[in-house]
Amino acid sequence: MISTEHVTGTTPFTVRRRVKWGDCDPAKVVYTVSFSEYVISVAELFYGHLFGGSPQATKDRFGFGTPTRALAFDFRGSLRPDDEFDMTVWVRDIRSRTYCLAIEASMPDGADVFDALLTPICIPRGERRGIEIPQVLRDALRSYQERCGAAGAAPRRAGQPN
């Protein structure tokens, strides 16, 4: 069986993904909207890594959700069916109610594909209002930042689309 995405590293957190034919338009280029799904998918895998299990079950247990407040892209290359690319997640900022994940995508040979900035906002489950980042999430995000720094890992860019 061929997997369309799998974790290849944890410090920093990196996922390799294969472009599916259905992600592309008739010209065999990835639809713009598909990139959003790629970023949300890698974020969910990242949360699973941070919490050591199912991200949604953990959020349920602690009573919070993390819908997207903002999402920005800087496209640097194109993708076609069966292309494989890596997405690396960096914690850029931790604020009071939001935090920013920088996702850098590149081909296995290092060619840039895109940079994305995902800014989730914390909310109580079942409500539509911002809350302080729960301590369990704040601690996990800070710990990840520290592990990446201790391992000498650094984003190849400032984690900010130009």
Protein backbone atom coordinates (compact mmCIF):
# COMPACT_ATOMS: atom_id res chain seq x y z
CA MET A 1 0.00 0.00 0.00
CA ILE A 2 1.21 3.49 -0.87
CA SER A 3 0.73 6.18 1.76
CA THR A 4 -0.07 9.70 0.60
CA GLU A 5 1.49 11.23 3.71
CA HIS A 6 3.75 10.10 6.52
CA VAL A 7 5.90 11.61 9.25
CA THR A 8 9.59 11.58 8.36
CA GLY A 9 10.97 13.54 11.33
CA THR A 10 9.92 15.00 14.64
CA THR A 11 12.58 17.64 15.44
CA PRO A 12 11.63 19.55 13.42
CA PHE A 13 8.30 17.92 12.63
CA THR A 14 8.31 16.96 8.94
CA VAL A 15 5.74 15.16 6.81
CA ARG A 16 6.30 13.79 3.31
CA ARG A 17 3.22 13.96 1.11
CA ARG A 18 2.45 12.56 -2.34
CA VAL A 19 0.20 14.59 -4.63
CA LYS A 20 -2.95 12.69 -5.57
CA TRP A 21 -4.43 12.94 -9.06
CA GLY A 22 -7.66 14.31 -7.54
CA ASP A 23 -5.71 17.24 -6.02
CA CYS A 24 -5.05 18.56 -9.53
CA ASP A 25 -6.85 20.42 -12.29
CA PRO A 26 -7.12 19.16 -15.90
CA ALA A 27 -3.71 20.72 -16.64
CA LYS A 28 -2.25 18.40 -13.96
CA VAL A 29 -1.33 21.22 -11.57
CA VAL A 30 -2.41 21.18 -7.92
CA TYR A 31 -5.55 23.25 -7.29
CA THR A 32 -4.86 26.24 -5.06
CA VAL A 33 -7.46 25.06 -2.54
CA SER A 34 -5.62 21.72 -2.16
CA PHE A 35 -2.71 23.54 -0.53
CA SER A 36 -5.00 24.57 2.33
CA GLU A 37 -5.87 20.92 2.91
CA TYR A 38 -2.16 20.04 2.92
CA VAL A 39 -1.46 22.65 5.62
CA ILE A 40 -4.44 21.67 7.80
CA SER A 41 -3.49 18.00 7.48
CA VAL A 42 0.13 18.59 8.54
CA ALA A 43 -1.11 20.73 11.45
CA GLU A 44 -3.36 17.89 12.66
CA LEU A 45 -0.45 15.42 12.44
CA PHE A 46 1.69 17.96 14.33
CA TYR A 47 -0.92 18.22 17.11
CA GLY A 48 -0.98 14.41 17.32
CA HIS A 49 2.78 14.50 17.79
CA LEU A 50 2.58 17.25 20.45
CA PHE A 51 -0.10 15.42 22.43
CA GLY A 52 1.13 11.88 21.82
CA GLY A 53 -2.20 10.72 20.42
CA SER A 54 -5.37 11.78 18.71
CA PRO A 55 -5.43 15.57 18.46
CA GLN A 56 -9.21 15.92 18.45
CA ALA A 57 -9.65 13.56 21.42
CA THR A 58 -7.04 15.55 23.35
CA LYS A 59 -8.73 18.85 22.50
CA ASP A 60 -12.08 17.33 23.55
CA ARG A 61 -10.58 16.17 26.85
CA PHE A 62 -9.24 19.66 27.60
CA GLY A 63 -12.33 21.42 26.21
CA PHE A 64 -10.84 23.58 23.46
CA GLY A 65 -10.68 23.82 19.68
CA THR A 66 -8.25 25.48 17.28
CA PRO A 67 -10.07 26.80 14.21
CA THR A 68 -8.10 28.80 11.68
CA ARG A 69 -8.04 32.55 12.24
CA ALA A 70 -5.65 33.27 9.36
CA LEU A 71 -3.87 31.37 6.60
CA ALA A 72 -1.35 32.90 4.18
CA PHE A 73 0.68 31.38 1.37
CA ASP A 74 3.72 32.27 -0.67
CA PHE A 75 3.87 29.90 -3.65
CA ARG A 76 7.38 29.24 -4.91
CA GLY A 77 6.88 26.22 -7.18
CA SER A 78 4.17 23.99 -8.60
CA LEU A 79 3.21 20.41 -7.90
CA ARG A 80 1.85 17.70 -10.20
CA PRO A 81 0.32 14.26 -9.67
CA ASP A 82 2.66 11.81 -7.89
CA ASP A 83 5.13 14.53 -6.86
CA GLU A 84 6.43 14.02 -3.35
CA PHE A 85 7.21 16.99 -1.15
CA ASP A 86 8.10 17.62 2.49
CA MET A 87 6.35 20.01 4.87
CA THR A 88 8.22 21.16 7.97
CA VAL A 89 6.40 22.82 10.87
CA TRP A 90 7.87 25.60 13.00
CA VAL A 91 6.23 27.38 15.92
CA ARG A 92 6.79 31.01 15.04
CA ASP A 93 4.78 32.91 17.66
CA ILE A 94 2.81 32.04 20.78
CA ARG A 95 0.44 34.83 21.73
CA SER A 96 -2.40 35.01 24.25
CA ARG A 97 -5.25 33.45 22.22
CA THR A 98 -3.48 32.60 18.97
CA TYR A 99 -0.22 31.11 17.82
CA CYS A 100 1.45 30.97 14.44
CA LEU A 101 2.75 27.86 12.72
CA ALA A 102 5.13 28.39 9.81
CA ILE A 103 5.03 25.53 7.31
CA GLU A 104 7.82 25.27 4.78
CA ALA A 105 7.27 22.93 1.84
CA SER A 106 10.01 21.71 -0.44
CA MET A 107 10.80 18.91 -2.84
CA PRO A 108 13.10 16.15 -1.57
CA ASP A 109 15.93 17.78 -3.54
CA GLY A 110 15.39 21.01 -1.56
CA ALA A 111 13.56 23.06 -4.22
CA ASP A 112 11.02 25.35 -2.55
CA VAL A 113 7.31 24.71 -3.16
CA PHE A 114 5.51 27.03 -0.75
CA ASP A 115 5.62 28.74 2.61
CA ALA A 116 2.46 29.02 4.68
CA LEU A 117 1.56 30.76 7.90
CA LEU A 118 -1.29 29.13 9.81
CA THR A 119 -2.71 31.09 12.73
CA PRO A 120 -5.21 29.11 14.82
CA ILE A 121 -7.26 30.73 17.56
CA CYS A 122 -8.23 28.85 20.70
CA ILE A 123 -11.94 28.58 21.50
CA PRO A 124 -13.98 26.61 24.01
CA ARG A 125 -15.60 23.54 22.41
CA GLY A 126 -19.05 24.38 21.16
CA GLU A 127 -18.62 28.15 21.32
CA ARG A 128 -17.38 30.85 18.96
CA ARG A 129 -15.26 33.08 21.16
CA GLY A 130 -11.55 33.30 21.75
CA ILE A 131 -9.96 32.05 24.97
CA GLU A 132 -6.44 32.06 26.35
CA ILE A 133 -4.31 29.27 24.92
CA PRO A 134 -4.83 26.35 27.32
CA GLN A 135 -1.73 25.66 29.39
CA VAL A 136 -1.40 22.10 28.05
CA LEU A 137 -1.15 23.47 24.49
CA ARG A 138 1.05 26.44 25.44
CA ASP A 139 3.48 24.09 27.22
CA ALA A 140 3.55 21.68 24.26
CA LEU A 141 4.22 24.48 21.76
CA ARG A 142 7.02 25.97 23.91
CA SER A 143 8.58 22.55 24.47
CA TYR A 144 8.61 21.91 20.73
CA GLN A 145 10.25 25.30 20.09
CA GLU A 146 12.92 24.48 22.68
CA ARG A 147 13.56 20.99 21.26
CA CYS A 148 14.01 22.40 17.78
CA GLY A 149 16.42 25.04 19.09
CA ALA A 150 18.38 22.51 21.16
CA ALA A 151 18.71 20.25 18.12
CA GLY A 152 20.16 23.11 16.11
CA ALA A 153 17.15 23.07 13.80
CA ALA A 154 16.16 26.39 12.30
CA PRO A 155 13.78 27.42 9.57
CA ARG A 156 15.47 27.98 6.23
CA ARG A 157 13.65 31.32 6.09
CA ALA A 158 12.13 33.51 8.74
CA GLY A 159 8.89 31.50 8.36
CA GLN A 160 7.15 34.46 6.79
CA PRO A 161 5.89 34.71 3.22
CA ASN A 162 7.40 37.66 1.38
